Amino acid sequence: MPYAADLDAKQLQQFSSALTDKEVTQLSDWATRTLNYAGIEMVLWSGGVLSIFYAATASESRRVQFKRLIRELRISETQAYRNMAVWKRAGKTLMDNPELIEKFAAESLKILCGKHCSADALESAFESARHGFYIDIQTARELRQEHAAKPSCLEQ
């Protein structure tokens, strides 16, 4: 398959129109897996790097450097902290079990690793992913709500 960047519009149209329906379906499956995986990898990479830099700038005199980095990266402070939460709560599991990465939408991990989501909800998502289920945004929200509704052992 040629690189799309190497083709002009006419060549790209010729190439794509020659694909069979089966090949288009395969291309769609590949694009979905590749782009979802890349999205999760970006969240993990940025979460890990930001976590290291956050620790390195923990003192009050250095905290401004962390805020400057976020501005230079052109991401919101909220997104930086969400990515760091994914790294902290799910990074090790995903790095130890890379086959799970393709079972999550990046945003679903941000929901499941957020401060308003229980560890039980995240573990339930990992268990579902181990059984081959895809954890999309709606599923993550449902898990968060389901596990928030359950009283903890301290409340029983």
N, C-alpha and C. Protein backbone atom coordinates (compact mmCIF):
# COMPACT_ATOMS: atom_id res chain seq x y z
N MET A 1 0.85 -1.17 0.00
CA MET A 1 0.00 0.00 0.00
C MET A 1 0.89 1.24 0.00
N PRO A 2 0.63 2.17 -0.89
CA PRO A 2 1.45 3.39 -0.95
C PRO A 2 1.12 4.29 0.24
N TYR A 3 2.06 5.18 0.55
CA TYR A 3 1.81 6.19 1.56
C TYR A 3 0.88 7.24 0.98
N ALA A 4 -0.16 7.57 1.69
CA ALA A 4 -1.13 8.54 1.19
C ALA A 4 -0.46 9.88 0.92
N ALA A 5 0.53 10.24 1.71
CA ALA A 5 1.21 11.53 1.52
C ALA A 5 1.99 11.58 0.21
N ASP A 6 2.33 10.42 -0.34
CA ASP A 6 3.07 10.37 -1.59
C ASP A 6 2.16 10.49 -2.82
N LEU A 7 0.88 10.44 -2.60
CA LEU A 7 -0.08 10.44 -3.71
C LEU A 7 -0.75 11.79 -3.85
N ASP A 8 -0.99 12.18 -5.10
CA ASP A 8 -1.82 13.37 -5.30
C ASP A 8 -3.28 12.92 -5.22
N ALA A 9 -4.20 13.86 -5.31
CA ALA A 9 -5.62 13.54 -5.13
C ALA A 9 -6.12 12.51 -6.14
N LYS A 10 -5.67 12.61 -7.39
CA LYS A 10 -6.11 11.67 -8.43
C LYS A 10 -5.59 10.26 -8.14
N GLN A 11 -4.33 10.15 -7.78
CA GLN A 11 -3.73 8.85 -7.46
C GLN A 11 -4.40 8.23 -6.23
N LEU A 12 -4.69 9.04 -5.23
CA LEU A 12 -5.35 8.54 -4.03
C LEU A 12 -6.74 8.03 -4.37
N GLN A 13 -7.45 8.75 -5.23
CA GLN A 13 -8.78 8.30 -5.66
C GLN A 13 -8.69 6.99 -6.45
N GLN A 14 -7.71 6.87 -7.34
CA GLN A 14 -7.53 5.63 -8.10
C GLN A 14 -7.23 4.46 -7.18
N PHE A 15 -6.34 4.67 -6.24
CA PHE A 15 -5.98 3.61 -5.30
C PHE A 15 -7.18 3.19 -4.48
N SER A 16 -7.88 4.16 -3.90
CA SER A 16 -8.98 3.84 -3.00
C SER A 16 -10.17 3.23 -3.73
N SER A 17 -10.40 3.63 -4.97
CA SER A 17 -11.54 3.08 -5.71
C SER A 17 -11.28 1.64 -6.14
N ALA A 18 -10.03 1.21 -6.14
CA ALA A 18 -9.70 -0.17 -6.51
C ALA A 18 -9.87 -1.14 -5.33
N LEU A 19 -10.09 -0.62 -4.14
CA LEU A 19 -10.25 -1.48 -2.97
C LEU A 19 -11.60 -2.21 -3.01
N THR A 20 -11.57 -3.45 -2.63
CA THR A 20 -12.82 -4.22 -2.53
C THR A 20 -13.54 -3.83 -1.24
N ASP A 21 -14.81 -4.21 -1.13
CA ASP A 21 -15.57 -3.93 0.10
C ASP A 21 -14.89 -4.58 1.30
N LYS A 22 -14.37 -5.78 1.11
CA LYS A 22 -13.69 -6.47 2.20
C LYS A 22 -12.43 -5.69 2.62
N GLU A 23 -11.69 -5.18 1.64
CA GLU A 23 -10.48 -4.41 1.95
C GLU A 23 -10.81 -3.09 2.66
N VAL A 24 -11.92 -2.47 2.28
CA VAL A 24 -12.34 -1.24 2.95
C VAL A 24 -12.70 -1.53 4.40
N THR A 25 -13.38 -2.65 4.63
CA THR A 25 -13.71 -3.05 6.00
C THR A 25 -12.44 -3.33 6.80
N GLN A 26 -11.50 -4.01 6.19
CA GLN A 26 -10.23 -4.29 6.85
C GLN A 26 -9.47 -2.99 7.15
N LEU A 27 -9.50 -2.05 6.21
CA LEU A 27 -8.86 -0.76 6.40
C LEU A 27 -9.52 0.00 7.55
N SER A 28 -10.83 -0.07 7.61
CA SER A 28 -11.56 0.59 8.70
C SER A 28 -11.18 -0.02 10.05
N ASP A 29 -11.13 -1.34 10.12
CA ASP A 29 -10.75 -2.02 11.37
C ASP A 29 -9.33 -1.63 11.78
N TRP A 30 -8.43 -1.62 10.81
CA TRP A 30 -7.04 -1.26 11.09
C TRP A 30 -6.94 0.20 11.56
N ALA A 31 -7.63 1.10 10.88
CA ALA A 31 -7.59 2.52 11.24
C ALA A 31 -8.15 2.73 12.65
N THR A 32 -9.23 2.06 12.96
CA THR A 32 -9.83 2.18 14.30
C THR A 32 -8.86 1.71 15.37
N ARG A 33 -8.29 0.53 15.19
CA ARG A 33 -7.34 -0.01 16.18
C ARG A 33 -6.12 0.89 16.31
N THR A 34 -5.57 1.31 15.18
CA THR A 34 -4.35 2.11 15.18
C THR A 34 -4.57 3.47 15.84
N LEU A 35 -5.63 4.15 15.48
CA LEU A 35 -5.87 5.48 16.03
C LEU A 35 -6.28 5.43 17.49
N ASN A 36 -7.08 4.43 17.89
CA ASN A 36 -7.42 4.28 19.30
C ASN A 36 -6.17 3.98 20.12
N TYR A 37 -5.34 3.07 19.63
CA TYR A 37 -4.11 2.71 20.32
C TYR A 37 -3.20 3.92 20.46
N ALA A 38 -3.08 4.69 19.38
CA ALA A 38 -2.24 5.89 19.41
C ALA A 38 -2.77 6.91 20.41
N GLY A 39 -4.09 7.03 20.51
CA GLY A 39 -4.69 7.95 21.48
C GLY A 39 -4.37 7.55 22.91
N ILE A 40 -4.47 6.27 23.21
CA ILE A 40 -4.14 5.78 24.56
C ILE A 40 -2.65 5.97 24.82
N GLU A 41 -1.81 5.63 23.84
CA GLU A 41 -0.37 5.81 24.04
C GLU A 41 -0.03 7.27 24.33
N MET A 42 -0.69 8.20 23.65
CA MET A 42 -0.42 9.62 23.88
C MET A 42 -0.83 10.01 25.29
N VAL A 43 -1.96 9.52 25.75
CA VAL A 43 -2.39 9.82 27.13
C VAL A 43 -1.38 9.24 28.12
N LEU A 44 -0.95 8.00 27.89
CA LEU A 44 0.01 7.38 28.81
C LEU A 44 1.36 8.10 28.78
N TRP A 45 1.87 8.38 27.59
CA TRP A 45 3.15 9.08 27.48
C TRP A 45 3.09 10.43 28.17
N SER A 46 2.08 11.21 27.83
CA SER A 46 2.01 12.55 28.43
C SER A 46 1.77 12.45 29.92
N GLY A 47 0.93 11.52 30.36
CA GLY A 47 0.70 11.36 31.79
C GLY A 47 1.97 10.98 32.53
N GLY A 48 2.75 10.08 31.96
CA GLY A 48 4.00 9.67 32.59
C GLY A 48 5.02 10.78 32.65
N VAL A 49 5.21 11.46 31.53
CA VAL A 49 6.19 12.55 31.47
C VAL A 49 5.76 13.70 32.38
N LEU A 50 4.48 14.06 32.33
CA LEU A 50 4.00 15.14 33.19
C LEU A 50 4.12 14.77 34.67
N SER A 51 3.90 13.50 35.00
CA SER A 51 4.03 13.06 36.39
C SER A 51 5.46 13.22 36.89
N ILE A 52 6.41 12.86 36.04
CA ILE A 52 7.82 13.01 36.41
C ILE A 52 8.15 14.49 36.60
N PHE A 53 7.71 15.31 35.65
CA PHE A 53 8.01 16.74 35.74
C PHE A 53 7.29 17.37 36.93
N TYR A 54 6.08 16.92 37.21
CA TYR A 54 5.33 17.43 38.37
C TYR A 54 6.10 17.13 39.66
N ALA A 55 6.61 15.91 39.76
CA ALA A 55 7.40 15.54 40.94
C ALA A 55 8.67 16.37 41.03
N ALA A 56 9.29 16.63 39.88
CA ALA A 56 10.54 17.41 39.87
C ALA A 56 10.31 18.87 40.22
N THR A 57 9.07 19.32 40.05
CA THR A 57 8.76 20.73 40.34
C THR A 57 7.82 20.84 41.54
N ALA A 58 7.93 19.90 42.46
CA ALA A 58 7.01 19.84 43.60
C ALA A 58 7.16 21.02 44.56
N SER A 59 8.34 21.55 44.67
CA SER A 59 8.51 22.67 45.61
C SER A 59 7.78 23.90 45.08
N GLU A 60 7.32 24.71 46.00
CA GLU A 60 6.57 25.92 45.64
C GLU A 60 7.37 26.80 44.68
N SER A 61 8.67 26.87 44.87
CA SER A 61 9.50 27.73 44.01
C SER A 61 9.61 27.21 42.58
N ARG A 62 9.32 25.94 42.38
CA ARG A 62 9.42 25.35 41.03
C ARG A 62 8.06 25.13 40.37
N ARG A 63 6.98 25.26 41.11
CA ARG A 63 5.65 24.93 40.56
C ARG A 63 5.33 25.76 39.32
N VAL A 64 5.83 26.97 39.24
CA VAL A 64 5.58 27.81 38.08
C VAL A 64 6.13 27.14 36.81
N GLN A 65 7.20 26.36 36.95
CA GLN A 65 7.77 25.66 35.79
C GLN A 65 6.79 24.61 35.24
N PHE A 66 6.06 23.95 36.14
CA PHE A 66 5.06 22.97 35.69
C PHE A 66 3.96 23.69 34.91
N LYS A 67 3.47 24.78 35.44
CA LYS A 67 2.42 25.54 34.75
C LYS A 67 2.92 26.07 33.40
N ARG A 68 4.18 26.47 33.34
CA ARG A 68 4.76 26.95 32.09
C ARG A 68 4.80 25.81 31.06
N LEU A 69 5.21 24.63 31.51
CA LEU A 69 5.26 23.48 30.60
C LEU A 69 3.87 23.20 30.00
N ILE A 70 2.86 23.23 30.83
CA ILE A 70 1.50 22.98 30.35
C ILE A 70 1.11 24.02 29.29
N ARG A 71 1.43 25.27 29.55
CA ARG A 71 1.14 26.32 28.55
C ARG A 71 1.89 26.06 27.26
N GLU A 72 3.17 25.69 27.37
CA GLU A 72 3.97 25.44 26.17
C GLU A 72 3.47 24.23 25.39
N LEU A 73 2.90 23.26 26.09
CA LEU A 73 2.33 22.09 25.43
C LEU A 73 0.98 22.39 24.79
N ARG A 74 0.42 23.54 25.17
CA ARG A 74 -0.88 23.97 24.66
C ARG A 74 -1.99 22.99 25.04
N ILE A 75 -1.93 22.52 26.28
CA ILE A 75 -3.01 21.71 26.81
C ILE A 75 -3.53 22.41 28.07
N SER A 76 -4.75 22.11 28.39
CA SER A 76 -5.31 22.72 29.60
C SER A 76 -4.73 22.03 30.84
N GLU A 77 -4.78 22.73 31.93
CA GLU A 77 -4.32 22.15 33.19
C GLU A 77 -5.19 20.93 33.53
N THR A 78 -6.48 21.02 33.23
CA THR A 78 -7.39 19.90 33.48
C THR A 78 -6.94 18.66 32.72
N GLN A 79 -6.62 18.83 31.43
CA GLN A 79 -6.17 17.68 30.63
C GLN A 79 -4.86 17.12 31.15
N ALA A 80 -3.98 17.99 31.58
CA ALA A 80 -2.70 17.52 32.12
C ALA A 80 -2.96 16.63 33.34
N TYR A 81 -3.80 17.10 34.25
CA TYR A 81 -4.09 16.31 35.45
C TYR A 81 -4.86 15.03 35.14
N ARG A 82 -5.73 15.07 34.14
CA ARG A 82 -6.46 13.86 33.74
C ARG A 82 -5.50 12.82 33.17
N ASN A 83 -4.55 13.26 32.33
CA ASN A 83 -3.58 12.33 31.76
C ASN A 83 -2.68 11.76 32.85
N MET A 84 -2.31 12.60 33.81
CA MET A 84 -1.49 12.12 34.92
C MET A 84 -2.26 11.09 35.76
N ALA A 85 -3.57 11.30 35.92
CA ALA A 85 -4.39 10.35 36.67
C ALA A 85 -4.46 9.00 35.95
N VAL A 86 -4.56 9.03 34.62
CA VAL A 86 -4.56 7.77 33.86
C VAL A 86 -3.24 7.05 34.07
N TRP A 87 -2.15 7.79 34.00
CA TRP A 87 -0.84 7.18 34.21
C TRP A 87 -0.75 6.56 35.61
N LYS A 88 -1.17 7.32 36.60
CA LYS A 88 -1.05 6.88 37.99
C LYS A 88 -1.94 5.66 38.28
N ARG A 89 -3.18 5.70 37.80
CA ARG A 89 -4.13 4.65 38.17
C ARG A 89 -4.16 3.46 37.21
N ALA A 90 -3.82 3.68 35.92
CA ALA A 90 -3.95 2.61 34.94
C ALA A 90 -2.67 2.31 34.17
N GLY A 91 -1.68 3.17 34.30
CA GLY A 91 -0.46 3.02 33.50
C GLY A 91 0.23 1.68 33.66
N LYS A 92 0.46 1.26 34.89
CA LYS A 92 1.18 0.00 35.11
C LYS A 92 0.40 -1.18 34.53
N THR A 93 -0.90 -1.22 34.77
CA THR A 93 -1.72 -2.31 34.24
C THR A 93 -1.66 -2.35 32.73
N LEU A 94 -1.77 -1.19 32.09
CA LEU A 94 -1.75 -1.15 30.62
C LEU A 94 -0.37 -1.45 30.06
N MET A 95 0.67 -1.01 30.73
CA MET A 95 2.02 -1.31 30.26
C MET A 95 2.34 -2.79 30.44
N ASP A 96 1.86 -3.39 31.53
CA ASP A 96 2.08 -4.82 31.77
C ASP A 96 1.20 -5.70 30.89
N ASN A 97 0.09 -5.15 30.41
CA ASN A 97 -0.88 -5.89 29.59
C ASN A 97 -1.25 -5.07 28.36
N PRO A 98 -0.32 -4.87 27.44
CA PRO A 98 -0.57 -3.97 26.30
C PRO A 98 -1.75 -4.41 25.42
N GLU A 99 -2.12 -5.67 25.50
CA GLU A 99 -3.27 -6.13 24.72
C GLU A 99 -4.57 -5.46 25.18
N LEU A 100 -4.58 -4.93 26.39
CA LEU A 100 -5.77 -4.24 26.90
C LEU A 100 -5.94 -2.85 26.31
N ILE A 101 -4.85 -2.27 25.83
CA ILE A 101 -4.90 -0.89 25.34
C ILE A 101 -5.96 -0.72 24.26
N GLU A 102 -6.03 -1.66 23.35
CA GLU A 102 -6.99 -1.52 22.24
C GLU A 102 -8.43 -1.75 22.67
N LYS A 103 -8.64 -2.09 23.92
CA LYS A 103 -9.99 -2.33 24.43
C LYS A 103 -10.59 -1.10 25.08
N PHE A 104 -9.89 0.03 25.05
CA PHE A 104 -10.35 1.25 25.69
C PHE A 104 -10.32 2.42 24.73
N ALA A 105 -11.29 3.31 24.87
CA ALA A 105 -11.21 4.64 24.26
C ALA A 105 -10.40 5.49 25.24
N ALA A 106 -9.58 6.38 24.73
CA ALA A 106 -8.75 7.21 25.60
C ALA A 106 -9.61 7.98 26.60
N GLU A 107 -10.71 8.53 26.14
CA GLU A 107 -11.57 9.31 27.04
C GLU A 107 -12.20 8.42 28.10
N SER A 108 -12.45 7.16 27.79
CA SER A 108 -13.03 6.27 28.81
C SER A 108 -12.05 6.06 29.96
N LEU A 109 -10.77 5.99 29.64
CA LEU A 109 -9.77 5.87 30.71
C LEU A 109 -9.71 7.13 31.57
N LYS A 110 -9.86 8.28 30.94
CA LYS A 110 -9.86 9.52 31.71
C LYS A 110 -11.04 9.56 32.67
N ILE A 111 -12.18 9.05 32.24
CA ILE A 111 -13.36 8.98 33.11
C ILE A 111 -13.10 8.02 34.26
N LEU A 112 -12.61 6.83 33.92
CA LEU A 112 -12.41 5.78 34.93
C LEU A 112 -11.29 6.09 35.91
N CYS A 113 -10.38 6.95 35.53
CA CYS A 113 -9.26 7.30 36.41
C CYS A 113 -9.47 8.65 37.09
N GLY A 114 -10.61 9.24 36.87
CA GLY A 114 -10.90 10.54 37.47
C GLY A 114 -11.13 10.44 38.97
N LYS A 115 -11.06 11.58 39.61
CA LYS A 115 -11.17 11.61 41.07
C LYS A 115 -12.57 11.24 41.56
N HIS A 116 -13.56 11.26 40.69
CA HIS A 116 -14.92 10.92 41.10
C HIS A 116 -15.29 9.48 40.72
N CYS A 117 -14.29 8.68 40.42
CA CYS A 117 -14.54 7.30 40.02
C CYS A 117 -13.79 6.35 40.95
N SER A 118 -14.48 5.32 41.38
CA SER A 118 -13.88 4.39 42.33
C SER A 118 -12.88 3.44 41.65
N ALA A 119 -11.99 2.93 42.44
CA ALA A 119 -11.03 1.93 41.95
C ALA A 119 -11.78 0.68 41.48
N ASP A 120 -12.91 0.38 42.10
CA ASP A 120 -13.72 -0.78 41.69
C ASP A 120 -14.23 -0.64 40.26
N ALA A 121 -14.61 0.56 39.88
CA ALA A 121 -15.09 0.79 38.51
C ALA A 121 -13.97 0.54 37.51
N LEU A 122 -12.78 1.02 37.81
CA LEU A 122 -11.64 0.80 36.92
C LEU A 122 -11.31 -0.68 36.84
N GLU A 123 -11.29 -1.35 37.97
CA GLU A 123 -10.99 -2.79 37.97
C GLU A 123 -12.04 -3.57 37.20
N SER A 124 -13.29 -3.18 37.33
CA SER A 124 -14.36 -3.82 36.56
C SER A 124 -14.16 -3.62 35.06
N ALA A 125 -13.71 -2.42 34.69
CA ALA A 125 -13.43 -2.16 33.27
C ALA A 125 -12.28 -3.02 32.77
N PHE A 126 -11.22 -3.14 33.58
CA PHE A 126 -10.10 -4.01 33.19
C PHE A 126 -10.57 -5.46 33.03
N GLU A 127 -11.41 -5.90 33.93
CA GLU A 127 -11.91 -7.28 33.86
C GLU A 127 -12.74 -7.49 32.58
N SER A 128 -13.58 -6.54 32.27
CA SER A 128 -14.37 -6.63 31.03
C SER A 128 -13.46 -6.63 29.81
N ALA A 129 -12.44 -5.78 29.82
CA ALA A 129 -11.50 -5.72 28.71
C ALA A 129 -10.75 -7.04 28.56
N ARG A 130 -10.39 -7.66 29.68
CA ARG A 130 -9.71 -8.97 29.62
C ARG A 130 -10.59 -10.04 28.97
N HIS A 131 -11.90 -9.84 29.06
CA HIS A 131 -12.85 -10.77 28.44
C HIS A 131 -13.22 -10.35 27.02
N GLY A 132 -12.52 -9.35 26.49
CA GLY A 132 -12.69 -8.98 25.09
C GLY A 132 -13.66 -7.85 24.82
N PHE A 133 -14.23 -7.26 25.86
CA PHE A 133 -15.19 -6.17 25.66
C PHE A 133 -14.47 -4.84 25.50
N TYR A 134 -15.01 -3.99 24.63
CA TYR A 134 -14.47 -2.65 24.39
C TYR A 134 -15.11 -1.69 25.39
N ILE A 135 -14.30 -0.87 26.02
CA ILE A 135 -14.78 0.08 27.02
C ILE A 135 -14.83 1.47 26.38
N ASP A 136 -16.03 1.83 25.92
CA ASP A 136 -16.20 3.14 25.32
C ASP A 136 -16.61 4.15 26.38
N ILE A 137 -16.86 5.37 25.98
CA ILE A 137 -17.18 6.44 26.92
C ILE A 137 -18.45 6.12 27.69
N GLN A 138 -19.47 5.65 26.99
CA GLN A 138 -20.74 5.34 27.65
C GLN A 138 -20.56 4.23 28.69
N THR A 139 -19.81 3.20 28.35
CA THR A 139 -19.55 2.11 29.29
C THR A 139 -18.81 2.62 30.51
N ALA A 140 -17.82 3.48 30.30
CA ALA A 140 -17.07 4.05 31.42
C ALA A 140 -17.99 4.85 32.34
N ARG A 141 -18.87 5.63 31.76
CA ARG A 141 -19.81 6.41 32.58
C ARG A 141 -20.75 5.50 33.37
N GLU A 142 -21.20 4.43 32.71
CA GLU A 142 -22.08 3.48 33.39
C GLU A 142 -21.36 2.79 34.54
N LEU A 143 -20.12 2.38 34.32
CA LEU A 143 -19.34 1.75 35.39
C LEU A 143 -19.10 2.71 36.55
N ARG A 144 -18.78 3.95 36.21
CA ARG A 144 -18.58 4.96 37.26
C ARG A 144 -19.84 5.12 38.10
N GLN A 145 -20.98 5.20 37.43
CA GLN A 145 -22.25 5.38 38.14
C GLN A 145 -22.61 4.12 38.94
N GLU A 146 -22.44 2.97 38.33
CA GLU A 146 -22.76 1.70 39.00
C GLU A 146 -21.95 1.52 40.28
N HIS A 147 -20.68 1.81 40.21
CA HIS A 147 -19.82 1.61 41.38
C HIS A 147 -19.92 2.75 42.39
N ALA A 148 -20.38 3.89 41.96
CA ALA A 148 -20.61 4.99 42.90
C ALA A 148 -21.86 4.72 43.73
N ALA A 149 -22.80 3.99 43.15
CA ALA A 149 -24.06 3.72 43.83
C ALA A 149 -23.93 2.65 44.91
N LYS A 150 -22.89 1.84 44.83
CA LYS A 150 -22.70 0.76 45.80
C LYS A 150 -22.09 1.33 47.08
N PRO A 151 -22.67 1.02 48.23
CA PRO A 151 -22.07 1.49 49.48
C PRO A 151 -20.77 0.75 49.74
N SER A 152 -19.82 1.44 50.31
CA SER A 152 -18.55 0.80 50.66
C SER A 152 -18.78 -0.09 51.87
N CYS A 153 -17.82 -0.94 52.17
CA CYS A 153 -17.93 -1.84 53.31
C CYS A 153 -18.03 -1.05 54.62
N LEU A 154 -17.51 0.18 54.62
CA LEU A 154 -17.58 1.01 55.82
C LEU A 154 -18.99 1.54 56.06
N GLU A 155 -19.77 1.66 54.98
CA GLU A 155 -21.12 2.22 55.08
C GLU A 155 -22.16 1.14 55.39
N GLN A 156 -21.81 -0.12 55.28
CA GLN A 156 -22.78 -1.20 55.47
C GLN A 156 -23.00 -1.51 56.93
